[in-house]
Amino acid sequence: MQSVLIRQEIAELLDEAAKRAQAKGLIPPTELPTSPIERPANPSHGDYASTLPLKLARAARMNPNQIAKILVTELPASPAIGQVTIAGPGFINFRLSDRWLAEQVDTILQLGSDFGNVDLGKNATVQLEFVSANPTGPLPVASGRGGSLGDSLARILEAAGYRASREYYVNDHGSRVEVFGQSIYARYAQQFGQDVPIPADGYHGEYLVELGRYLKDTQGDRFLKLPPEEAYVQLAAIGIRYFLDGIKADLERLGIRYDCWFSEQSLYERGEVERTLEKLREAGYVVSREGAIWFVSSSLGEDKDNVLVRSNGQPTYFASDIAYHYDKLVQRGFDRAIDIWGADHQGHVGRTKAAVGALGVNSDRLQIIIHQMVTLKVDGQPVRMSKRTGNIITLREVLDDVGTDACRFFFVSRSADSHLDFDLDLAKKQSDENPVYYVQYAHARIASILRKAAEIDYADGNATLLQHPAELQLIRKMLELPELVETAASSLEPHHLPHYAMDLAAVFHSFYTQCRVVSDDVPLTKARLKLAAAAQIALRNTLDLIGVSAPEQM
């Protein structure tokens, strides 16, 4: 069951009015331009506005104000519309009917957990790949942002009628894995007093000291008895499993469960990389030069060509990436693929889309979101080093410090292309200053109201008694959720949801202050309890879209 999209209904009414006017000869039979229904900058003008008369004026060779008057005259009647006015040079403003607004409370209650859902996606499949940090250490804080963005976007897309699949791409092949094995061996051997240096381009984090200690305690010295090359391979495999287990645990704690953990190594085992490179070669996009094999991306508008296979015969990560994208867009047949990458991958966007296009796939089916970095702050100052290890600050440490809900809310609260300052002090405050606390408190307050009024059966309450401006404003705000889901799904911008949650909480608190919910007026009490229950649904559904809990008590 889908939510009401009144914005869409108004657009359809206007379209019908224009067709009626053309049929009567009041407007020339020109093609009707697309004119989005928008919210006026000044709410006193109405709930929605259209600039269709302005867009139609040139083709019709008519005054836009005259067109507006004709459209208003021909507009079909609708119980949702209370008033239609013309403003300025040809704006049409719509004000929703108070009675219709009140009736929507019953609709929201009927929809329940489906309130906010829309049918934008028409059941199309979307694969979202996010986080995908190399399994060579614990997840850094920035991965928490990528994870929260990816999972929230998947939830929004599902609410918008898509079938979303969450995927983690595991880099378990290539030269970095070899170096990883050598680094583990060095830390392991050092536990036995051996002076084995870490490779210059190796992994120096304290977390490998912990792994070396763990290996000594659980495996003894058996890897020291193997030829080093063999030990490197075995230790790399153990290290990948060890850190992947930690990564899975951290992401599940963040509320993220993947549908697929895709192994890069599997692409080589199945011959997918070789087959994909052959397809590029057949299409004329591969050349041999300087002993290496290159993708001639410059012929597709990129600044430079990119190496696919090095002169030593080792494929690059880019070769794997191309095969991986061919696998998900062609082999597995997802309608769309969305990659969410960190800021350090900005330079890979163009070449990846170019490679997808070179394989004969519409590159618009691949969308890449780059999220910027995260700065943690305490007492207003950036925190750069971990108290525990002195190295990177891990996602796990932040989860320990502020909890899952604060992490999810703060990580999603800014657009992906904006740098995020994460105030750890603010995230722990139990006051209205903390946006997470503020929104969750609104939900808990509603739950408290409904508990205290548990003996009142409000199922037969008459919602049309809701006529106070604060009541109607709350309903208006709730009805924004389906539109916001549609907008966020179209723009791939989940950050709209936390801001909406704060606005909705503020409007509810205002209603609560101005309107006594339980009073001696039994019919009005029942209507207001219905309104409170509907607001609870809207808040809970909004929080669920960003992976934040909706507590009953605080």
Protein backbone atom coordinates (compact mmCIF):
# COMPACT_ATOMS: atom_id res chain seq x y z
CA MET A 1 0.00 0.00 0.00
CA GLN A 2 1.43 3.35 -1.05
CA SER A 3 1.20 6.76 0.61
CA VAL A 4 -0.68 9.73 -0.79
CA LEU A 5 1.49 11.99 -2.91
CA ILE A 6 -0.64 15.12 -2.98
CA ARG A 7 2.03 16.92 -4.99
CA GLN A 8 1.53 14.39 -7.77
CA GLU A 9 -2.26 14.69 -7.54
CA ILE A 10 -2.06 18.46 -7.96
CA ALA A 11 0.19 18.02 -11.00
CA GLU A 12 -2.38 15.66 -12.52
CA LEU A 13 -5.22 18.13 -11.81
CA LEU A 14 -3.29 20.90 -13.55
CA ASP A 15 -2.52 18.67 -16.51
CA GLU A 16 -6.20 17.82 -16.82
CA ALA A 17 -7.12 21.54 -16.60
CA ALA A 18 -4.66 22.37 -19.40
CA LYS A 19 -6.04 19.61 -21.63
CA ARG A 20 -9.60 20.80 -21.00
CA ALA A 21 -8.59 24.35 -21.87
CA GLN A 22 -6.92 23.19 -25.09
CA ALA A 23 -9.96 21.10 -26.03
CA LYS A 24 -12.16 24.20 -25.63
CA GLY A 25 -9.76 26.35 -27.66
CA LEU A 26 -8.94 28.56 -24.68
CA ILE A 27 -5.24 27.69 -24.99
CA PRO A 28 -3.50 26.77 -28.29
CA PRO A 29 -2.84 23.01 -28.74
CA THR A 30 0.87 23.18 -27.94
CA GLU A 31 2.85 20.53 -26.11
CA LEU A 32 2.41 20.98 -22.38
CA PRO A 33 5.73 21.68 -20.63
CA THR A 34 6.76 19.90 -17.45
CA SER A 35 6.20 22.11 -14.44
CA PRO A 36 7.06 20.67 -11.03
CA ILE A 37 4.72 21.35 -8.15
CA GLU A 38 6.78 23.07 -5.48
CA ARG A 39 6.35 24.45 -2.00
CA PRO A 40 6.23 28.28 -1.96
CA ALA A 41 9.12 30.03 -0.24
CA ASN A 42 6.50 31.87 1.83
CA PRO A 43 4.06 29.37 3.42
CA SER A 44 1.43 32.11 3.73
CA HIS A 45 0.97 31.88 -0.06
CA GLY A 46 -0.24 28.29 0.19
CA ASP A 47 0.93 24.70 0.52
CA TYR A 48 1.99 24.20 -3.12
CA ALA A 49 2.62 26.34 -6.17
CA SER A 50 2.97 25.87 -9.93
CA THR A 51 4.71 27.98 -12.56
CA LEU A 52 2.97 26.19 -15.47
CA PRO A 53 1.42 29.44 -16.82
CA LEU A 54 4.87 31.04 -17.03
CA LYS A 55 6.33 28.02 -18.83
CA LEU A 56 3.38 27.80 -21.22
CA ALA A 57 3.22 31.50 -22.05
CA ARG A 58 5.82 31.63 -24.83
CA ALA A 59 4.56 28.61 -26.77
CA ALA A 60 0.93 29.71 -26.34
CA ARG A 61 1.78 33.38 -27.09
CA MET A 62 -0.43 34.43 -24.23
CA ASN A 63 -0.06 36.43 -21.02
CA PRO A 64 0.85 34.01 -18.20
CA ASN A 65 -1.66 35.64 -15.87
CA GLN A 66 -4.40 35.04 -18.43
CA ILE A 67 -3.32 31.38 -18.74
CA ALA A 68 -3.38 31.03 -14.96
CA LYS A 69 -6.98 32.30 -14.79
CA ILE A 70 -8.05 29.84 -17.51
CA LEU A 71 -6.33 26.90 -15.77
CA VAL A 72 -7.92 27.75 -12.42
CA THR A 73 -11.35 27.92 -14.08
CA GLU A 74 -10.86 24.52 -15.75
CA LEU A 75 -9.32 22.84 -12.71
CA PRO A 76 -11.25 19.69 -11.72
CA ALA A 77 -12.74 19.71 -8.23
CA SER A 78 -10.78 17.83 -5.57
CA PRO A 79 -11.57 17.28 -1.88
CA ALA A 80 -7.87 17.84 -1.15
CA ILE A 81 -7.85 21.43 -2.43
CA GLY A 82 -9.33 24.09 -0.19
CA GLN A 83 -8.30 27.23 -2.06
CA VAL A 84 -6.59 28.12 -5.34
CA THR A 85 -5.20 31.62 -5.92
CA ILE A 86 -3.17 33.40 -8.57
CA ALA A 87 -0.17 35.49 -7.56
CA GLY A 88 2.42 37.65 -9.28
CA PRO A 89 2.93 37.23 -13.00
CA GLY A 90 1.24 33.81 -13.22
CA PHE A 91 1.91 31.63 -10.19
CA ILE A 92 -0.91 29.29 -9.15
CA ASN A 93 -0.98 28.65 -5.41
CA PHE A 94 -2.84 25.77 -3.78
CA ARG A 95 -3.96 25.55 -0.17
CA LEU A 96 -5.03 22.15 1.12
CA SER A 97 -8.48 21.68 2.60
CA ASP A 98 -8.54 21.61 6.42
CA ARG A 99 -11.06 18.77 6.38
CA TRP A 100 -9.00 16.73 3.91
CA LEU A 101 -5.87 17.31 5.99
CA ALA A 102 -7.62 16.03 9.12
CA GLU A 103 -8.86 12.95 7.27
CA GLN A 104 -5.27 12.02 6.42
CA VAL A 105 -4.68 11.07 10.07
CA ASP A 106 -6.81 7.96 9.50
CA THR A 107 -4.87 7.22 6.30
CA ILE A 108 -1.53 7.38 8.15
CA LEU A 109 -2.86 5.11 10.91
CA GLN A 110 -4.10 2.65 8.30
CA LEU A 111 -0.75 2.61 6.48
CA GLY A 112 1.29 2.17 9.66
CA SER A 113 4.82 1.02 8.82
CA ASP A 114 4.06 1.56 5.10
CA PHE A 115 3.46 5.29 5.58
CA GLY A 116 6.08 7.11 3.53
CA ASN A 117 6.36 4.35 0.91
CA VAL A 118 5.97 5.36 -2.75
CA ASP A 119 6.13 3.48 -6.03
CA LEU A 120 8.93 5.36 -7.76
CA GLY A 121 11.14 2.34 -8.48
CA LYS A 122 8.51 0.03 -10.00
CA ASN A 123 10.38 -2.95 -8.49
CA ALA A 124 13.62 -2.22 -10.38
CA THR A 125 16.76 -3.80 -8.92
CA VAL A 126 19.54 -1.67 -7.45
CA GLN A 127 22.85 -2.94 -6.13
CA LEU A 128 24.58 -0.72 -3.58
CA GLU A 129 28.25 -1.36 -2.86
CA PHE A 130 29.61 0.57 0.09
CA VAL A 131 32.38 0.60 2.70
CA SER A 132 34.45 -2.15 0.99
CA ALA A 133 37.54 -1.15 2.99
CA ASN A 134 40.51 -3.46 2.43
CA PRO A 135 40.36 -6.22 5.09
CA THR A 136 43.84 -5.35 6.30
CA GLY A 137 42.85 -3.68 9.57
CA PRO A 138 39.89 -2.38 11.58
CA LEU A 139 37.43 0.03 10.02
CA PRO A 140 38.31 3.72 10.35
CA VAL A 141 35.68 6.33 11.25
CA ALA A 142 35.14 7.38 7.63
CA SER A 143 33.92 3.87 6.83
CA GLY A 144 31.13 4.45 9.32
CA ARG A 145 29.99 7.40 7.28
CA GLY A 146 30.08 5.41 4.04
CA GLY A 147 28.24 2.54 5.71
CA SER A 148 25.53 4.77 7.17
CA LEU A 149 25.02 6.56 3.86
CA GLY A 150 24.84 3.30 1.93
CA ASP A 151 22.47 1.49 4.26
CA SER A 152 20.20 4.52 4.70
CA LEU A 153 20.05 4.98 0.95
CA ALA A 154 19.17 1.29 0.54
CA ARG A 155 16.33 1.70 3.05
CA ILE A 156 15.07 4.80 1.23
CA LEU A 157 15.21 3.07 -2.15
CA GLU A 158 13.28 0.12 -0.75
CA ALA A 159 10.64 2.52 0.61
CA ALA A 160 10.52 4.08 -2.87
CA GLY A 161 9.65 0.80 -4.57
CA TYR A 162 13.09 -0.52 -5.57
CA ARG A 163 14.61 -3.90 -4.72
CA ALA A 164 17.90 -2.97 -3.09
CA SER A 165 20.83 -5.33 -2.55
CA ARG A 166 23.65 -4.35 -0.18
CA GLU A 167 27.13 -5.57 -1.11
CA TYR A 168 30.66 -5.43 0.30
CA TYR A 169 33.48 -5.91 -2.21
CA VAL A 170 36.31 -7.76 -0.46
CA ASN A 171 39.76 -6.93 -1.85
CA ASP A 172 41.40 -10.29 -1.22
CA HIS A 173 43.67 -10.50 -4.29
CA GLY A 174 46.73 -8.73 -5.59
CA SER A 175 50.00 -7.20 -4.56
CA ARG A 176 48.63 -5.48 -1.45
CA VAL A 177 47.50 -8.81 -0.08
CA GLU A 178 51.05 -10.11 -0.53
CA VAL A 179 52.47 -7.12 1.34
CA PHE A 180 49.83 -7.64 4.02
CA GLY A 181 51.04 -11.22 4.53
CA GLN A 182 54.64 -10.03 4.82
CA SER A 183 53.63 -7.38 7.38
CA ILE A 184 51.79 -9.95 9.51
CA TYR A 185 54.80 -12.29 9.33
CA ALA A 186 57.08 -9.51 10.62
CA ARG A 187 54.81 -8.73 13.61
CA TYR A 188 54.38 -12.46 14.29
CA ALA A 189 58.12 -13.17 14.16
CA GLN A 190 58.80 -10.19 16.43
CA GLN A 191 56.70 -11.92 19.12
CA PHE A 192 59.41 -14.58 19.18
CA GLY A 193 62.21 -12.04 19.49
CA GLN A 194 63.19 -12.13 15.82
CA ASP A 195 64.20 -8.86 14.18
CA VAL A 196 62.10 -9.09 11.02
CA PRO A 197 61.38 -5.66 9.51
CA ILE A 198 58.02 -4.66 8.08
CA PRO A 199 58.23 -3.92 4.32
CA ALA A 200 58.66 -0.24 3.56
CA ASP A 201 55.27 -0.18 1.84
CA GLY A 202 53.74 -2.51 4.45
CA TYR A 203 51.16 -2.11 7.19
CA HIS A 204 52.58 -0.52 10.33
CA GLY A 205 49.47 -0.17 12.50
CA GLU A 206 49.39 -1.33 16.11
CA TYR A 207 46.52 -3.62 15.21
CA LEU A 208 49.02 -5.95 13.51
CA VAL A 209 50.98 -6.17 16.77
CA GLU A 210 47.78 -7.44 18.37
CA LEU A 211 47.29 -9.92 15.52
CA GLY A 212 50.90 -11.12 15.85
CA ARG A 213 50.33 -11.72 19.56
CA TYR A 214 47.09 -13.55 18.85
CA LEU A 215 48.82 -15.79 16.29
CA LYS A 216 51.59 -16.64 18.72
CA ASP A 217 49.06 -17.54 21.43
CA THR A 218 46.84 -19.65 19.15
CA GLN A 219 49.27 -21.06 16.56
CA GLY A 220 52.59 -21.27 18.35
CA ASP A 221 55.69 -20.99 16.13
CA ARG A 222 54.44 -23.17 13.28
CA PHE A 223 54.62 -20.38 10.67
CA LEU A 224 58.28 -19.81 11.48
CA LYS A 225 58.95 -23.40 10.40
CA LEU A 226 57.51 -22.79 6.93
CA PRO A 227 59.36 -21.24 3.98
CA PRO A 228 58.65 -17.47 4.32
CA GLU A 229 56.86 -17.26 0.95
CA GLU A 230 54.45 -19.99 2.02
CA ALA A 231 53.97 -18.40 5.44
CA TYR A 232 53.12 -15.05 3.83
CA VAL A 233 50.26 -16.60 1.85
CA GLN A 234 48.81 -18.48 4.81
CA LEU A 235 49.13 -15.52 7.17
CA ALA A 236 47.49 -13.15 4.65
CA ALA A 237 44.50 -15.51 4.40
CA ILE A 238 44.24 -15.73 8.20
CA GLY A 239 44.61 -11.95 8.52
CA ILE A 240 41.86 -11.29 6.01
CA ARG A 241 39.46 -13.63 7.84
CA TYR A 242 40.46 -12.11 11.20
CA PHE A 243 39.79 -8.53 10.14
CA LEU A 244 36.71 -9.40 8.10
CA ASP A 245 35.17 -10.93 11.21
CA GLY A 246 35.81 -7.65 13.04
CA ILE A 247 34.50 -5.59 10.13
CA LYS A 248 31.30 -7.65 9.99
CA ALA A 249 30.80 -7.28 13.74
CA ASP A 250 31.34 -3.50 13.63
CA LEU A 251 28.99 -3.01 10.69
CA GLU A 252 26.28 -5.19 12.22
CA ARG A 253 26.60 -3.09 15.35
CA LEU A 254 26.05 -0.06 13.13
CA GLY A 255 22.83 -1.71 11.94
CA ILE A 256 24.17 -2.90 8.57
CA ARG A 257 23.74 -6.41 7.21
CA TYR A 258 24.95 -7.17 3.71
CA ASP A 259 23.19 -9.40 1.21
CA CYS A 260 26.52 -10.31 -0.38
CA TRP A 261 30.20 -10.29 0.57
CA PHE A 262 31.77 -10.42 -2.90
CA SER A 263 35.32 -11.76 -3.18
CA GLU A 264 37.68 -10.11 -5.66
CA GLN A 265 39.60 -13.40 -5.76
CA SER A 266 36.48 -15.11 -7.15
CA LEU A 267 36.72 -12.97 -10.28
CA TYR A 268 40.12 -14.53 -11.03
CA GLU A 269 39.09 -18.05 -10.07
CA ARG A 270 36.15 -17.87 -12.50
CA GLY A 271 38.22 -16.24 -15.25
CA GLU A 272 36.05 -13.12 -15.22
CA VAL A 273 38.94 -10.65 -15.29
CA GLU A 274 40.51 -12.29 -18.33
CA ARG A 275 37.16 -12.48 -20.14
CA THR A 276 36.35 -8.84 -19.39
CA LEU A 277 39.73 -7.67 -20.67
CA GLU A 278 39.13 -9.67 -23.84
CA LYS A 279 35.81 -7.87 -24.34
CA LEU A 280 37.61 -4.53 -24.04
CA ARG A 281 40.26 -5.74 -26.48
CA GLU A 282 37.61 -6.79 -29.00
CA ALA A 283 35.96 -3.38 -28.66
CA GLY A 284 39.29 -1.71 -29.49
CA TYR A 285 39.98 -0.19 -26.07
CA VAL A 286 43.08 -2.21 -25.08
CA VAL A 287 46.64 -1.69 -26.30
CA SER A 288 50.06 -3.08 -25.34
CA ARG A 289 52.62 -0.42 -24.58
CA GLU A 290 55.88 -0.29 -22.59
CA GLY A 291 55.48 -3.97 -21.74
CA ALA A 292 52.14 -3.36 -20.04
CA ILE A 293 48.49 -3.65 -21.11
CA TRP A 294 46.53 -0.38 -21.12
CA PHE A 295 42.90 0.69 -21.25
CA VAL A 296 42.82 3.59 -23.74
CA SER A 297 40.39 5.67 -21.70
CA SER A 298 41.76 8.83 -23.33
CA SER A 299 39.77 7.89 -26.44
CA LEU A 300 36.64 8.12 -24.25
CA GLY A 301 37.32 11.59 -22.93
CA GLU A 302 39.56 10.80 -19.97
CA ASP A 303 42.80 12.74 -19.39
CA LYS A 304 45.01 9.68 -19.57
CA ASP A 305 45.09 5.96 -20.29
CA ASN A 306 45.12 3.46 -17.40
CA VAL A 307 47.21 0.33 -16.85
CA LEU A 308 45.25 -2.93 -16.69
CA VAL A 309 48.16 -5.39 -16.46
CA ARG A 310 51.60 -4.28 -15.26
CA SER A 311 54.79 -5.15 -17.10
CA ASN A 312 55.42 -7.89 -14.49
CA GLY A 313 52.17 -9.58 -15.53
CA GLN A 314 50.23 -8.56 -12.39
CA PRO A 315 46.70 -7.19 -13.06
CA THR A 316 45.90 -3.87 -11.40
CA TYR A 317 42.96 -3.25 -9.07
CA PHE A 318 41.38 -1.35 -11.94
CA ALA A 319 41.26 -4.54 -14.02
CA SER A 320 39.41 -6.26 -11.18
CA ASP A 321 37.05 -3.28 -10.79
CA ILE A 322 36.07 -3.40 -14.45
CA ALA A 323 35.32 -7.12 -14.24
CA TYR A 324 33.39 -6.55 -11.02
CA HIS A 325 31.16 -3.89 -12.60
CA TYR A 326 30.58 -6.06 -15.66
CA ASP A 327 29.62 -8.89 -13.32
CA LYS A 328 26.98 -6.89 -11.46
CA LEU A 329 25.53 -4.93 -14.39
CA VAL A 330 25.61 -7.71 -17.01
CA GLN A 331 26.23 -11.12 -15.45
CA ARG A 332 23.92 -10.56 -12.50
CA GLY A 333 21.76 -8.08 -14.36
CA PHE A 334 21.08 -5.36 -11.79
CA ASP A 335 19.13 -2.50 -13.36
CA ARG A 336 21.38 0.00 -11.58
CA ALA A 337 24.54 -0.09 -9.52
CA ILE A 338 25.47 2.54 -6.95
CA ASP A 339 29.02 2.74 -5.60
CA ILE A 340 29.68 4.77 -2.46
CA TRP A 341 33.37 5.61 -2.18
CA GLY A 342 35.56 7.69 0.08
CA ALA A 343 37.10 11.00 -0.97
CA ASP A 344 40.40 9.32 -1.87
CA HIS A 345 38.64 7.56 -4.77
CA GLN A 346 37.49 10.72 -6.54
CA GLY A 347 40.02 10.21 -9.33
CA HIS A 348 38.62 6.75 -10.16
CA VAL A 349 35.10 7.90 -11.04
CA GLY A 350 35.64 8.95 -14.64
CA ARG A 351 37.75 5.96 -15.68
CA THR A 352 35.30 3.48 -14.10
CA LYS A 353 32.30 4.94 -15.90
CA ALA A 354 34.34 5.07 -19.11
CA ALA A 355 35.20 1.37 -18.76
CA VAL A 356 31.55 0.46 -18.20
CA GLY A 357 30.62 2.36 -21.36
CA ALA A 358 33.42 0.67 -23.29
CA LEU A 359 31.90 -2.70 -22.41
CA GLY A 360 28.70 -1.69 -24.16
CA VAL A 361 26.79 -0.94 -20.94
CA ASN A 362 24.93 2.36 -20.56
CA SER A 363 27.18 4.19 -18.09
CA ASP A 364 24.13 5.95 -16.62
CA ARG A 365 23.29 2.60 -14.99
CA LEU A 366 26.32 3.15 -12.75
CA GLN A 367 26.13 5.99 -10.24
CA ILE A 368 29.04 6.82 -7.98
CA ILE A 369 28.71 8.82 -4.77
CA ILE A 370 31.85 10.26 -3.19
CA HIS A 371 31.60 11.04 0.51
CA GLN A 372 33.99 13.45 2.16
CA MET A 373 36.03 12.86 5.30
CA VAL A 374 34.98 12.98 8.95
CA THR A 375 36.63 15.10 11.64
CA LEU A 376 35.93 14.05 15.21
CA LYS A 377 35.84 16.88 17.74
CA VAL A 378 36.03 17.02 21.53
CA ASP A 379 35.80 20.38 23.34
CA GLY A 380 35.65 21.95 19.90
CA GLN A 381 39.08 20.61 18.93
CA PRO A 382 39.85 17.93 16.30
CA VAL A 383 40.77 14.49 17.62
CA ARG A 384 43.43 13.00 15.39
CA MET A 385 44.85 10.03 17.28
CA SER A 386 43.38 7.02 19.02
CA LYS A 387 43.76 6.93 22.80
CA ARG A 388 44.10 3.16 22.63
CA THR A 389 46.58 2.63 19.82
CA GLY A 390 47.94 6.04 18.91
CA ASN A 391 47.08 5.29 15.29
CA ILE A 392 43.80 5.57 13.41
CA ILE A 393 40.57 6.20 15.30
CA THR A 394 38.40 3.22 14.57
CA LEU A 395 34.68 3.04 14.00
CA ARG A 396 34.47 0.65 16.95
CA GLU A 397 35.90 3.27 19.31
CA VAL A 398 33.31 5.84 18.22
CA LEU A 399 30.52 3.29 18.59
CA ASP A 400 31.78 2.54 22.10
CA ASP A 401 31.83 6.24 22.89
CA VAL A 402 28.50 7.55 21.55
CA GLY A 403 26.47 4.50 20.49
CA THR A 404 24.86 3.33 17.27
CA ASP A 405 21.99 5.82 17.07
CA ALA A 406 24.19 8.90 17.37
CA CYS A 407 26.64 7.48 14.82
CA ARG A 408 23.91 6.75 12.28
CA PHE A 409 22.17 10.11 12.74
CA PHE A 410 25.32 12.24 12.63
CA PHE A 411 26.93 10.33 9.74
CA VAL A 412 23.85 10.85 7.55
CA SER A 413 23.06 14.42 8.65
CA ARG A 414 25.23 16.13 6.04
CA SER A 415 25.24 15.72 2.27
CA ALA A 416 27.87 13.24 1.13
CA ASP A 417 29.90 15.89 -0.69
CA SER A 418 30.27 17.99 2.48
CA HIS A 419 32.99 17.51 5.08
CA LEU A 420 31.50 16.24 8.35
CA ASP A 421 32.50 17.62 11.75
CA PHE A 422 31.33 15.02 14.28
CA ASP A 423 30.98 16.61 17.73
CA LEU A 424 31.43 13.72 20.16
CA ASP A 425 30.42 15.85 23.14
CA LEU A 426 27.17 16.88 21.47
CA ALA A 427 26.38 13.31 20.44
CA LYS A 428 26.41 12.23 24.10
CA LYS A 429 24.32 15.08 25.51
CA GLN A 430 20.90 14.22 26.85
CA SER A 431 19.33 17.55 26.01
CA ASP A 432 17.51 19.32 23.19
CA GLU A 433 20.90 20.46 21.86
CA ASN A 434 21.57 16.92 20.68
CA PRO A 435 19.44 16.36 17.54
CA VAL A 436 19.30 12.58 18.09
CA TYR A 437 18.06 12.99 21.64
CA TYR A 438 15.60 15.69 20.56
CA VAL A 439 13.96 13.49 17.91
CA GLN A 440 13.95 10.32 20.01
CA TYR A 441 12.50 12.24 22.96
CA ALA A 442 9.57 13.33 20.77
CA HIS A 443 8.84 9.69 19.94
CA ALA A 444 9.18 8.65 23.59
CA ARG A 445 6.89 11.50 24.66
CA ILE A 446 4.18 10.28 22.26
CA ALA A 447 4.58 6.73 23.57
CA SER A 448 4.15 8.08 27.11
CA ILE A 449 0.97 9.95 26.14
CA LEU A 450 -0.52 6.82 24.58
CA ARG A 451 0.44 4.68 27.59
CA LYS A 452 -1.20 7.07 30.03
CA ALA A 453 -4.34 7.14 27.89
CA ALA A 454 -4.38 3.38 27.38
CA GLU A 455 -7.88 3.06 28.87
CA ILE A 456 -9.29 5.36 26.17
CA ASP A 457 -10.34 3.57 22.98
CA TYR A 458 -9.79 6.20 20.32
CA ALA A 459 -10.33 3.93 17.31
CA ASP A 460 -13.70 5.58 16.61
CA GLY A 461 -12.30 9.08 17.07
CA ASN A 462 -13.40 11.70 14.54
CA ALA A 463 -10.23 13.16 13.03
CA THR A 464 -12.17 15.99 11.35
CA LEU A 465 -12.41 17.63 14.80
CA LEU A 466 -8.73 18.51 14.37
CA GLN A 467 -8.96 22.17 13.34
CA HIS A 468 -6.42 23.95 15.53
CA PRO A 469 -3.57 25.51 13.48
CA ALA A 470 -0.99 23.50 15.45
CA GLU A 471 -2.86 20.28 14.69
CA LEU A 472 -3.13 21.03 10.99
CA GLN A 473 0.52 22.08 10.83
CA LEU A 474 1.54 18.74 12.33
CA ILE A 475 -0.50 16.87 9.71
CA ARG A 476 1.03 18.99 6.95
CA LYS A 477 4.50 18.14 8.21
CA MET A 478 3.71 14.41 8.37
CA LEU A 479 2.47 14.44 4.78
CA GLU A 480 5.89 15.65 3.63
CA LEU A 481 7.43 12.24 4.36
CA PRO A 482 6.30 10.42 1.16
CA GLU A 483 7.46 13.39 -0.93
CA LEU A 484 10.78 13.40 0.88
CA VAL A 485 11.26 9.67 0.27
CA GLU A 486 10.65 10.25 -3.43
CA THR A 487 13.07 13.19 -3.49
CA ALA A 488 15.81 11.41 -1.53
CA ALA A 489 15.49 8.29 -3.70
CA SER A 490 15.68 10.35 -6.91
CA SER A 491 18.63 12.49 -5.82
CA LEU A 492 20.38 9.74 -3.79
CA GLU A 493 20.57 12.14 -0.85
CA PRO A 494 19.62 10.55 2.48
CA HIS A 495 20.69 13.62 4.46
CA HIS A 496 17.23 15.13 3.98
CA LEU A 497 15.75 12.60 6.43
CA PRO A 498 17.57 13.64 9.65
CA HIS A 499 16.63 17.28 9.02
CA TYR A 500 13.02 16.31 8.40
CA ALA A 501 13.02 14.24 11.61
CA MET A 502 14.14 17.31 13.59
CA ASP A 503 11.48 19.49 11.92
CA LEU A 504 8.76 16.93 12.59
CA ALA A 505 9.82 16.62 16.23
CA ALA A 506 9.74 20.42 16.59
CA VAL A 507 6.25 20.65 15.08
CA PHE A 508 5.03 17.89 17.38
CA HIS A 509 6.49 19.60 20.46
CA SER A 510 4.73 22.81 19.35
CA PHE A 511 1.40 20.96 19.02
CA TYR A 512 1.90 19.34 22.42
CA THR A 513 2.54 22.75 24.01
CA GLN A 514 -0.50 24.40 22.43
CA CYS A 515 -3.03 21.54 22.48
CA ARG A 516 -3.88 19.48 25.56
CA VAL A 517 -4.17 15.94 24.25
CA VAL A 518 -6.23 14.35 27.03
CA SER A 519 -9.00 16.59 28.38
CA ASP A 520 -12.63 16.50 29.55
CA ASP A 521 -13.70 16.86 25.91
CA VAL A 522 -13.85 13.13 25.08
CA PRO A 523 -14.43 13.44 21.28
CA LEU A 524 -11.55 15.91 20.94
CA THR A 525 -9.35 13.74 23.16
CA LYS A 526 -9.93 10.75 20.88
CA ALA A 527 -9.12 12.83 17.79
CA ARG A 528 -5.91 14.13 19.35
CA LEU A 529 -4.84 10.67 20.46
CA LYS A 530 -5.26 9.58 16.84
CA LEU A 531 -3.11 12.50 15.77
CA ALA A 532 -0.43 11.61 18.34
CA ALA A 533 -0.43 7.97 17.17
CA ALA A 534 -0.07 9.10 13.55
CA ALA A 535 2.83 11.39 14.50
CA GLN A 536 4.47 8.47 16.27
CA ILE A 537 4.24 6.42 13.05
CA ALA A 538 5.74 9.24 10.98
CA LEU A 539 8.63 9.72 13.43
CA ARG A 540 9.32 6.00 13.77
CA ASN A 541 9.28 5.43 10.01
CA THR A 542 11.61 8.39 9.45
CA LEU A 543 14.08 7.15 12.05
CA ASP A 544 13.96 3.65 10.59
CA LEU A 545 14.91 5.02 7.17
CA ILE A 546 18.18 6.30 8.65
CA GLY A 547 18.73 3.24 10.85
CA VAL A 548 18.04 4.96 14.18
CA SER A 549 15.93 3.37 16.91
CA ALA A 550 12.65 4.88 18.12
CA PRO A 551 12.62 4.35 21.91
CA GLU A 552 9.36 4.06 23.86
CA GLN A 553 10.98 5.46 27.00
CA MET A 554 13.92 7.75 27.75
